[in-house]
PDB file of all heavy atoms in Angstrom:
ATOM      1  N   ALA A   1     104.500-143.514  59.161  1.00  0.00           N
ATOM      2  CA  ALA A   1     105.626-142.755  59.577  1.00  0.00           C
ATOM      3  C   ALA A   1     106.995-143.558  59.431  1.00  0.00           C
ATOM      4  O   ALA A   1     108.000-142.829  59.514  1.00  0.00           O
ATOM      5  CB  ALA A   1     105.465-142.414  61.064  1.00  0.00           C
ATOM      6  N   HIS A   2     106.888-144.788  59.245  1.00  0.00           N
ATOM      7  CA  HIS A   2     108.138-145.707  59.158  1.00  0.00           C
ATOM      8  C   HIS A   2     108.365-146.025  57.620  1.00  0.00           C
ATOM      9  O   HIS A   2     109.340-146.799  57.315  1.00  0.00           O
ATOM     10  CB  HIS A   2     107.959-146.900  59.924  1.00  0.00           C
ATOM     11  CG  HIS A   2     107.869-146.743  61.350  1.00  0.00           C
ATOM     12  ND1 HIS A   2     109.051-146.671  62.157  1.00  0.00           N
ATOM     13  CD2 HIS A   2     106.766-146.424  62.220  1.00  0.00           C
ATOM     14  CE1 HIS A   2     108.605-146.335  63.408  1.00  0.00           C
ATOM     15  NE2 HIS A   2     107.285-146.193  63.449  1.00  0.00           N
ATOM     16  N   LEU A   3     107.601-145.523  56.685  1.00  0.00           N
ATOM     17  CA  LEU A   3     107.889-145.900  55.359  1.00  0.00           C
ATOM     18  C   LEU A   3     109.191-145.213  54.853  1.00  0.00           C
ATOM     19  O   LEU A   3     109.628-144.227  55.456  1.00  0.00           O
ATOM     20  CB  LEU A   3     106.765-145.298  54.383  1.00  0.00           C
ATOM     21  CG  LEU A   3     105.413-145.938  54.598  1.00  0.00           C
ATOM     22  CD1 LEU A   3     104.315-145.249  53.730  1.00  0.00           C
ATOM     23  CD2 LEU A   3     105.513-147.474  54.218  1.00  0.00           C
ATOM     24  N   PRO A   4     109.893-145.771  53.889  1.00  0.00           N
ATOM     25  CA  PRO A   4     111.188-145.300  53.456  1.00  0.00           C
ATOM     26  C   PRO A   4     111.132-143.969  52.643  1.00  0.00           C
ATOM     27  O   PRO A   4     110.209-143.801  51.926  1.00  0.00           O
ATOM     28  CB  PRO A   4     111.716-146.542  52.564  1.00  0.00           C
ATOM     29  CG  PRO A   4     110.500-147.061  51.988  1.00  0.00           C
ATOM     30  CD  PRO A   4     109.511-147.009  53.105  1.00  0.00           C
ATOM     31  N   ALA A   5     112.290-143.227  52.925  1.00  0.00           N
ATOM     32  CA  ALA A   5     112.536-142.128  51.970  1.00  0.00           C
ATOM     33  C   ALA A   5     113.437-142.675  50.752  1.00  0.00           C
ATOM     34  O   ALA A   5     113.733-143.864  50.755  1.00  0.00           O
ATOM     35  CB  ALA A   5     113.343-141.024  52.761  1.00  0.00           C
ATOM     36  N   ALA A   6     113.816-141.720  49.964  1.00  0.00           N
ATOM     37  CA  ALA A   6     114.645-142.157  48.790  1.00  0.00           C
ATOM     38  C   ALA A   6     115.882-142.801  49.256  1.00  0.00           C
ATOM     39  O   ALA A   6     116.468-142.321  50.167  1.00  0.00           O
ATOM     40  CB  ALA A   6     114.801-141.076  47.755  1.00  0.00           C
ATOM     41  N   GLY A   7     116.269-144.021  48.628  1.00  0.00           N
ATOM     42  CA  GLY A   7     117.480-144.681  48.914  1.00  0.00           C
ATOM     43  C   GLY A   7     117.454-145.482  50.172  1.00  0.00           C
ATOM     44  O   GLY A   7     118.483-145.878  50.721  1.00  0.00           O
ATOM     45  N   GLU A   8     116.214-145.964  50.648  1.00  0.00           N
ATOM     46  CA  GLU A   8     116.007-146.757  51.816  1.00  0.00           C
ATOM     47  C   GLU A   8     115.179-147.929  51.465  1.00  0.00           C
ATOM     48  O   GLU A   8     114.310-148.070  50.629  1.00  0.00           O
ATOM     49  CB  GLU A   8     115.352-145.891  52.874  1.00  0.00           C
ATOM     50  CG  GLU A   8     116.186-144.723  53.363  1.00  0.00           C
ATOM     51  CD  GLU A   8     115.411-144.079  54.475  1.00  0.00           C
ATOM     52  OE1 GLU A   8     114.203-144.250  54.690  1.00  0.00           O
ATOM     53  OE2 GLU A   8     116.070-143.098  55.148  1.00  0.00           O
ATOM     54  N   MET A   9     115.493-149.011  52.255  1.00  0.00           N
ATOM     55  CA  MET A   9     114.624-150.288  52.249  1.00  0.00           C
ATOM     56  C   MET A   9     114.287-150.462  53.720  1.00  0.00           C
ATOM     57  O   MET A   9     115.125-150.550  54.664  1.00  0.00           O
ATOM     58  CB  MET A   9     115.473-151.487  51.732  1.00  0.00           C
ATOM     59  CG  MET A   9     114.617-152.715  51.777  1.00  0.00           C
ATOM     60  SD  MET A   9     115.270-154.122  50.805  1.00  0.00           S
ATOM     61  CE  MET A   9     116.620-154.557  51.590  1.00  0.00           C
ATOM     62  N   VAL A  10     112.987-150.617  53.937  1.00  0.00           N
ATOM     63  CA  VAL A  10     112.574-150.884  55.360  1.00  0.00           C
ATOM     64  C   VAL A  10     111.844-152.347  55.442  1.00  0.00           C
ATOM     65  O   VAL A  10     111.091-152.746  54.582  1.00  0.00           O
ATOM     66  CB  VAL A  10     111.410-149.777  55.719  1.00  0.00           C
ATOM     67  CG1 VAL A  10     110.824-150.211  57.173  1.00  0.00           C
ATOM     68  CG2 VAL A  10     112.000-148.506  55.709  1.00  0.00           C
ATOM     69  N   LEU A  11     112.297-153.064  56.473  1.00  0.00           N
ATOM     70  CA  LEU A  11     111.859-154.472  56.646  1.00  0.00           C
ATOM     71  C   LEU A  11     110.792-154.390  57.761  1.00  0.00           C
ATOM     72  O   LEU A  11     111.229-153.954  58.896  1.00  0.00           O
ATOM     73  CB  LEU A  11     113.023-155.348  56.941  1.00  0.00           C
ATOM     74  CG  LEU A  11     114.266-155.274  56.067  1.00  0.00           C
ATOM     75  CD1 LEU A  11     115.358-156.228  56.573  1.00  0.00           C
ATOM     76  CD2 LEU A  11     113.961-155.602  54.613  1.00  0.00           C
ATOM     77  N   PHE A  12     109.569-154.607  57.498  1.00  0.00           N
ATOM     78  CA  PHE A  12     108.571-154.606  58.549  1.00  0.00           C
ATOM     79  C   PHE A  12     108.452-156.016  59.185  1.00  0.00           C
ATOM     80  O   PHE A  12     108.088-156.918  58.591  1.00  0.00           O
ATOM     81  CB  PHE A  12     107.184-154.151  58.056  1.00  0.00           C
ATOM     82  CG  PHE A  12     106.952-152.722  57.917  1.00  0.00           C
ATOM     83  CD1 PHE A  12     107.283-152.092  56.734  1.00  0.00           C
ATOM     84  CD2 PHE A  12     106.492-151.978  58.965  1.00  0.00           C
ATOM     85  CE1 PHE A  12     107.085-150.704  56.610  1.00  0.00           C
ATOM     86  CE2 PHE A  12     106.322-150.581  58.841  1.00  0.00           C
ATOM     87  CZ  PHE A  12     106.676-150.009  57.672  1.00  0.00           C
ATOM     88  N   ASP A  13     108.922-156.038  60.413  1.00  0.00           N
ATOM     89  CA  ASP A  13     108.868-157.314  61.229  1.00  0.00           C
ATOM     90  C   ASP A  13     107.502-157.180  61.877  1.00  0.00           C
ATOM     91  O   ASP A  13     107.298-156.586  62.992  1.00  0.00           O
ATOM     92  CB  ASP A  13     109.991-157.358  62.284  1.00  0.00           C
ATOM     93  CG  ASP A  13     110.008-158.635  63.117  1.00  0.00           C
ATOM     94  OD1 ASP A  13     109.150-159.482  62.823  1.00  0.00           O
ATOM     95  OD2 ASP A  13     110.904-158.916  63.954  1.00  0.00           O
ATOM     96  N   ARG A  14     106.481-157.740  61.265  1.00  0.00           N
ATOM     97  CA  ARG A  14     105.071-157.551  61.549  1.00  0.00           C
ATOM     98  C   ARG A  14     104.717-156.165  60.871  1.00  0.00           C
ATOM     99  O   ARG A  14     105.632-155.320  60.753  1.00  0.00           O
ATOM    100  CB  ARG A  14     104.734-157.711  62.996  1.00  0.00           C
ATOM    101  CG  ARG A  14     105.058-158.935  63.599  1.00  0.00           C
ATOM    102  CD  ARG A  14     104.067-160.143  63.113  1.00  0.00           C
ATOM    103  NE  ARG A  14     104.226-161.255  63.951  1.00  0.00           N
ATOM    104  CZ  ARG A  14     103.472-162.437  63.642  1.00  0.00           C
ATOM    105  NH1 ARG A  14     102.729-162.469  62.600  1.00  0.00           N
ATOM    106  NH2 ARG A  14     103.719-163.476  64.360  1.00  0.00           N
ATOM    107  N   SER A  15     103.443-155.932  60.687  1.00  0.00           N
ATOM    108  CA  SER A  15     103.104-154.748  59.910  1.00  0.00           C
ATOM    109  C   SER A  15     101.620-154.407  60.156  1.00  0.00           C
ATOM    110  O   SER A  15     101.090-154.814  61.210  1.00  0.00           O
ATOM    111  CB  SER A  15     103.305-154.919  58.409  1.00  0.00           C
ATOM    112  OG  SER A  15     102.298-155.970  58.008  1.00  0.00           O
ATOM    113  N   TRP A  16     101.119-153.637  59.281  1.00  0.00           N
ATOM    114  CA  TRP A  16      99.598-153.343  59.450  1.00  0.00           C
ATOM    115  C   TRP A  16      98.740-154.566  59.348  1.00  0.00           C
ATOM    116  O   TRP A  16      97.536-154.552  59.668  1.00  0.00           O
ATOM    117  CB  TRP A  16      99.180-152.329  58.305  1.00  0.00           C
ATOM    118  CG  TRP A  16      99.730-152.606  56.883  1.00  0.00           C
ATOM    119  CD1 TRP A  16      99.143-153.473  56.021  1.00  0.00           C
ATOM    120  CD2 TRP A  16     100.902-152.078  56.231  1.00  0.00           C
ATOM    121  NE1 TRP A  16      99.853-153.459  54.774  1.00  0.00           N
ATOM    122  CE2 TRP A  16     100.915-152.517  54.971  1.00  0.00           C
ATOM    123  CE3 TRP A  16     101.808-151.161  56.618  1.00  0.00           C
ATOM    124  CZ2 TRP A  16     101.863-152.198  54.059  1.00  0.00           C
ATOM    125  CZ3 TRP A  16     102.844-150.731  55.773  1.00  0.00           C
ATOM    126  CH2 TRP A  16     102.833-151.355  54.513  1.00  0.00           C
ATOM    127  N   TYR A  17      99.346-155.728  58.971  1.00  0.00           N
ATOM    128  CA  TYR A  17      98.400-157.008  58.943  1.00  0.00           C
ATOM    129  C   TYR A  17      98.244-157.473  60.241  1.00  0.00           C
ATOM    130  O   TYR A  17      97.494-158.577  60.464  1.00  0.00           O
ATOM    131  CB  TYR A  17      99.235-157.974  58.015  1.00  0.00           C
ATOM    132  CG  TYR A  17      98.966-157.715  56.647  1.00  0.00           C
ATOM    133  CD1 TYR A  17      99.967-157.090  55.797  1.00  0.00           C
ATOM    134  CD2 TYR A  17      97.758-158.133  56.022  1.00  0.00           C
ATOM    135  CE1 TYR A  17      99.729-156.804  54.450  1.00  0.00           C
ATOM    136  CE2 TYR A  17      97.566-157.736  54.717  1.00  0.00           C
ATOM    137  CZ  TYR A  17      98.483-157.081  53.962  1.00  0.00           C
ATOM    138  OH  TYR A  17      98.344-156.747  52.609  1.00  0.00           O
ATOM    139  N   ASN A  18      98.846-156.924  61.359  1.00  0.00           N
ATOM    140  CA  ASN A  18      98.373-157.202  62.722  1.00  0.00           C
ATOM    141  C   ASN A  18      96.783-157.296  62.913  1.00  0.00           C
ATOM    142  O   ASN A  18      96.295-158.031  63.614  1.00  0.00           O
ATOM    143  CB  ASN A  18      99.011-156.236  63.762  1.00  0.00           C
ATOM    144  CG  ASN A  18     100.426-156.634  64.030  1.00  0.00           C
ATOM    145  OD1 ASN A  18     100.835-157.747  63.818  1.00  0.00           O
ATOM    146  ND2 ASN A  18     101.181-155.641  64.613  1.00  0.00           N
ATOM    147  N   ARG A  19      96.214-156.290  62.276  1.00  0.00           N
ATOM    148  CA  ARG A  19      94.762-156.181  62.334  1.00  0.00           C
ATOM    149  C   ARG A  19      94.070-157.404  61.901  1.00  0.00           C
ATOM    150  O   ARG A  19      93.085-157.805  62.399  1.00  0.00           O
ATOM    151  CB  ARG A  19      94.223-154.997  61.683  1.00  0.00           C
ATOM    152  CG  ARG A  19      92.760-154.770  61.570  1.00  0.00           C
ATOM    153  CD  ARG A  19      92.277-153.515  62.026  1.00  0.00           C
ATOM    154  NE  ARG A  19      92.643-153.089  63.406  1.00  0.00           N
ATOM    155  CZ  ARG A  19      92.276-151.990  63.962  1.00  0.00           C
ATOM    156  NH1 ARG A  19      91.672-150.965  63.249  1.00  0.00           N
ATOM    157  NH2 ARG A  19      92.628-151.705  65.167  1.00  0.00           N
ATOM    158  N   ALA A  20      94.555-158.032  60.778  1.00  0.00           N
ATOM    159  CA  ALA A  20      93.921-159.160  60.262  1.00  0.00           C
ATOM    160  C   ALA A  20      94.305-160.493  60.915  1.00  0.00           C
ATOM    161  O   ALA A  20      93.757-161.537  60.690  1.00  0.00           O
ATOM    162  CB  ALA A  20      94.201-159.325  58.733  1.00  0.00           C
ATOM    163  N   GLY A  21      95.364-160.383  61.794  1.00  0.00           N
ATOM    164  CA  GLY A  21      95.775-161.673  62.503  1.00  0.00           C
ATOM    165  C   GLY A  21      95.535-161.562  63.984  1.00  0.00           C
ATOM    166  O   GLY A  21      94.494-161.781  64.507  1.00  0.00           O
ATOM    167  N   VAL A  22      96.630-161.089  64.642  1.00  0.00           N
ATOM    168  CA  VAL A  22      96.580-161.190  66.168  1.00  0.00           C
ATOM    169  C   VAL A  22      95.384-160.406  66.758  1.00  0.00           C
ATOM    170  O   VAL A  22      94.794-160.723  67.733  1.00  0.00           O
ATOM    171  CB  VAL A  22      97.871-160.776  66.835  1.00  0.00           C
ATOM    172  CG1 VAL A  22      98.277-159.333  66.511  1.00  0.00           C
ATOM    173  CG2 VAL A  22      97.872-160.998  68.362  1.00  0.00           C
ATOM    174  N   GLU A  23      95.229-159.177  66.238  1.00  0.00           N
ATOM    175  CA  GLU A  23      94.076-158.276  66.693  1.00  0.00           C
ATOM    176  C   GLU A  23      92.747-158.880  66.589  1.00  0.00           C
ATOM    177  O   GLU A  23      91.859-158.719  67.420  1.00  0.00           O
ATOM    178  CB  GLU A  23      94.238-156.781  66.073  1.00  0.00           C
ATOM    179  CG  GLU A  23      95.434-156.036  66.415  1.00  0.00           C
ATOM    180  CD  GLU A  23      95.371-154.572  65.927  1.00  0.00           C
ATOM    181  OE1 GLU A  23      94.229-154.205  65.565  1.00  0.00           O
ATOM    182  OE2 GLU A  23      96.415-153.985  65.867  1.00  0.00           O
ATOM    183  N   ARG A  24      92.574-159.503  65.449  1.00  0.00           N
ATOM    184  CA  ARG A  24      91.342-160.209  65.117  1.00  0.00           C
ATOM    185  C   ARG A  24      91.123-161.484  66.073  1.00  0.00           C
ATOM    186  O   ARG A  24      90.115-161.556  66.635  1.00  0.00           O
ATOM    187  CB  ARG A  24      91.194-160.677  63.619  1.00  0.00           C
ATOM    188  CG  ARG A  24      89.979-161.304  63.354  1.00  0.00           C
ATOM    189  CD  ARG A  24      89.887-161.719  61.940  1.00  0.00           C
ATOM    190  NE  ARG A  24      88.561-162.159  61.520  1.00  0.00           N
ATOM    191  CZ  ARG A  24      88.149-162.538  60.336  1.00  0.00           C
ATOM    192  NH1 ARG A  24      89.059-162.557  59.417  1.00  0.00           N
ATOM    193  NH2 ARG A  24      87.034-162.961  60.108  1.00  0.00           N
ATOM    194  N   VAL A  25      92.149-162.303  66.067  1.00  0.00           N
ATOM    195  CA  VAL A  25      91.903-163.508  66.771  1.00  0.00           C
ATOM    196  C   VAL A  25      91.782-163.313  68.253  1.00  0.00           C
ATOM    197  O   VAL A  25      90.958-163.940  69.063  1.00  0.00           O
ATOM    198  CB  VAL A  25      93.120-164.450  66.444  1.00  0.00           C
ATOM    199  CG1 VAL A  25      93.101-165.701  67.304  1.00  0.00           C
ATOM    200  CG2 VAL A  25      93.086-164.878  64.969  1.00  0.00           C
ATOM    201  N   MET A  26      92.614-162.338  68.843  1.00  0.00           N
ATOM    202  CA  MET A  26      92.645-162.090  70.263  1.00  0.00           C
ATOM    203  C   MET A  26      91.484-161.139  70.703  1.00  0.00           C
ATOM    204  O   MET A  26      91.436-160.760  71.846  1.00  0.00           O
ATOM    205  CB  MET A  26      94.046-161.558  70.714  1.00  0.00           C
ATOM    206  CG  MET A  26      95.117-162.498  70.377  1.00  0.00           C
ATOM    207  SD  MET A  26      94.865-164.179  71.044  1.00  0.00           S
ATOM    208  CE  MET A  26      94.880-163.789  72.762  1.00  0.00           C
ATOM    209  N   GLY A  27      90.759-160.576  69.788  1.00  0.00           N
ATOM    210  CA  GLY A  27      89.632-159.689  70.146  1.00  0.00           C
ATOM    211  C   GLY A  27      90.049-158.258  70.419  1.00  0.00           C
ATOM    212  O   GLY A  27      89.396-157.543  70.960  1.00  0.00           O
ATOM    213  N   PHE A  28      91.205-157.961  69.966  1.00  0.00           N
ATOM    214  CA  PHE A  28      91.633-156.493  70.070  1.00  0.00           C
ATOM    215  C   PHE A  28      91.055-155.501  69.031  1.00  0.00           C
ATOM    216  O   PHE A  28      91.168-154.350  69.141  1.00  0.00           O
ATOM    217  CB  PHE A  28      93.173-156.424  69.984  1.00  0.00           C
ATOM    218  CG  PHE A  28      93.908-157.233  71.071  1.00  0.00           C
ATOM    219  CD1 PHE A  28      95.126-157.858  70.713  1.00  0.00           C
ATOM    220  CD2 PHE A  28      93.453-157.402  72.307  1.00  0.00           C
ATOM    221  CE1 PHE A  28      95.764-158.520  71.621  1.00  0.00           C
ATOM    222  CE2 PHE A  28      94.014-158.143  73.332  1.00  0.00           C
ATOM    223  CZ  PHE A  28      95.278-158.783  72.969  1.00  0.00           C
ATOM    224  N   ALA A  29      90.409-156.163  68.087  1.00  0.00           N
ATOM    225  CA  ALA A  29      89.715-155.291  67.074  1.00  0.00           C
ATOM    226  C   ALA A  29      88.413-155.954  66.844  1.00  0.00           C
ATOM    227  O   ALA A  29      88.107-157.077  66.963  1.00  0.00           O
ATOM    228  CB  ALA A  29      90.563-155.339  65.696  1.00  0.00           C
ATOM    229  N   THR A  30      87.403-155.051  66.618  1.00  0.00           N
ATOM    230  CA  THR A  30      85.973-155.468  66.371  1.00  0.00           C
ATOM    231  C   THR A  30      85.834-156.014  64.991  1.00  0.00           C
ATOM    232  O   THR A  30      86.631-155.851  64.124  1.00  0.00           O
ATOM    233  CB  THR A  30      85.060-154.300  66.604  1.00  0.00           C
ATOM    234  OG1 THR A  30      85.246-153.378  65.486  1.00  0.00           O
ATOM    235  CG2 THR A  30      85.197-153.580  67.967  1.00  0.00           C
ATOM    236  N   ASP A  31      84.779-156.792  64.726  1.00  0.00           N
ATOM    237  CA  ASP A  31      84.475-157.298  63.360  1.00  0.00           C
ATOM    238  C   ASP A  31      84.407-156.114  62.380  1.00  0.00           C
ATOM    239  O   ASP A  31      84.820-156.188  61.259  1.00  0.00           O
ATOM    240  CB  ASP A  31      83.265-158.029  63.492  1.00  0.00           C
ATOM    241  CG  ASP A  31      83.346-159.469  64.119  1.00  0.00           C
ATOM    242  OD1 ASP A  31      84.462-159.752  64.225  1.00  0.00           O
ATOM    243  OD2 ASP A  31      82.251-160.017  64.490  1.00  0.00           O
ATOM    244  N   THR A  32      83.822-155.053  62.863  1.00  0.00           N
ATOM    245  CA  THR A  32      83.663-153.803  61.904  1.00  0.00           C
ATOM    246  C   THR A  32      85.030-153.300  61.542  1.00  0.00           C
ATOM    247  O   THR A  32      85.224-152.931  60.407  1.00  0.00           O
ATOM    248  CB  THR A  32      82.837-152.712  62.640  1.00  0.00           C
ATOM    249  OG1 THR A  32      81.536-153.234  62.961  1.00  0.00           O
ATOM    250  CG2 THR A  32      82.778-151.486  61.743  1.00  0.00           C
ATOM    251  N   GLN A  33      85.915-153.197  62.501  1.00  0.00           N
ATOM    252  CA  GLN A  33      87.299-152.790  62.204  1.00  0.00           C
ATOM    253  C   GLN A  33      88.083-153.677  61.314  1.00  0.00           C
ATOM    254  O   GLN A  33      88.774-153.302  60.407  1.00  0.00           O
ATOM    255  CB  GLN A  33      88.130-152.550  63.508  1.00  0.00           C
ATOM    256  CG  GLN A  33      87.582-151.414  64.329  1.00  0.00           C
ATOM    257  CD  GLN A  33      88.325-151.364  65.717  1.00  0.00           C
ATOM    258  OE1 GLN A  33      88.516-152.394  66.354  1.00  0.00           O
ATOM    259  NE2 GLN A  33      88.579-150.128  66.183  1.00  0.00           N
ATOM    260  N   VAL A  34      87.940-154.978  61.548  1.00  0.00           N
ATOM    261  CA  VAL A  34      88.544-156.007  60.680  1.00  0.00           C
ATOM    262  C   VAL A  34      88.083-155.914  59.251  1.00  0.00           C
ATOM    263  O   VAL A  34      88.881-155.944  58.375  1.00  0.00           O
ATOM    264  CB  VAL A  34      88.477-157.425  61.232  1.00  0.00           C
ATOM    265  CG1 VAL A  34      88.892-158.524  60.275  1.00  0.00           C
ATOM    266  CG2 VAL A  34      89.107-157.535  62.500  1.00  0.00           C
ATOM    267  N   GLN A  35      86.773-155.731  59.085  1.00  0.00           N
ATOM    268  CA  GLN A  35      86.237-155.738  57.671  1.00  0.00           C
ATOM    269  C   GLN A  35      86.591-154.446  57.092  1.00  0.00           C
ATOM    270  O   GLN A  35      86.796-154.414  55.766  1.00  0.00           O
ATOM    271  CB  GLN A  35      84.695-155.808  57.775  1.00  0.00           C
ATOM    272  CG  GLN A  35      84.232-157.267  58.225  1.00  0.00           C
ATOM    273  CD  GLN A  35      84.832-158.357  57.415  1.00  0.00           C
ATOM    274  OE1 GLN A  35      84.960-158.328  56.242  1.00  0.00           O
ATOM    275  NE2 GLN A  35      85.373-159.452  58.098  1.00  0.00           N
TER     276      GLN A  35
END
């Protein structure tokens, strides 16, 4: 929903990689979800 339309640049301050980082380390995501 936050991806750019034509003529835009979006800077993601953290992104979908939360799942591979904080969610994984802090146990907010299961091993199945991470894989």
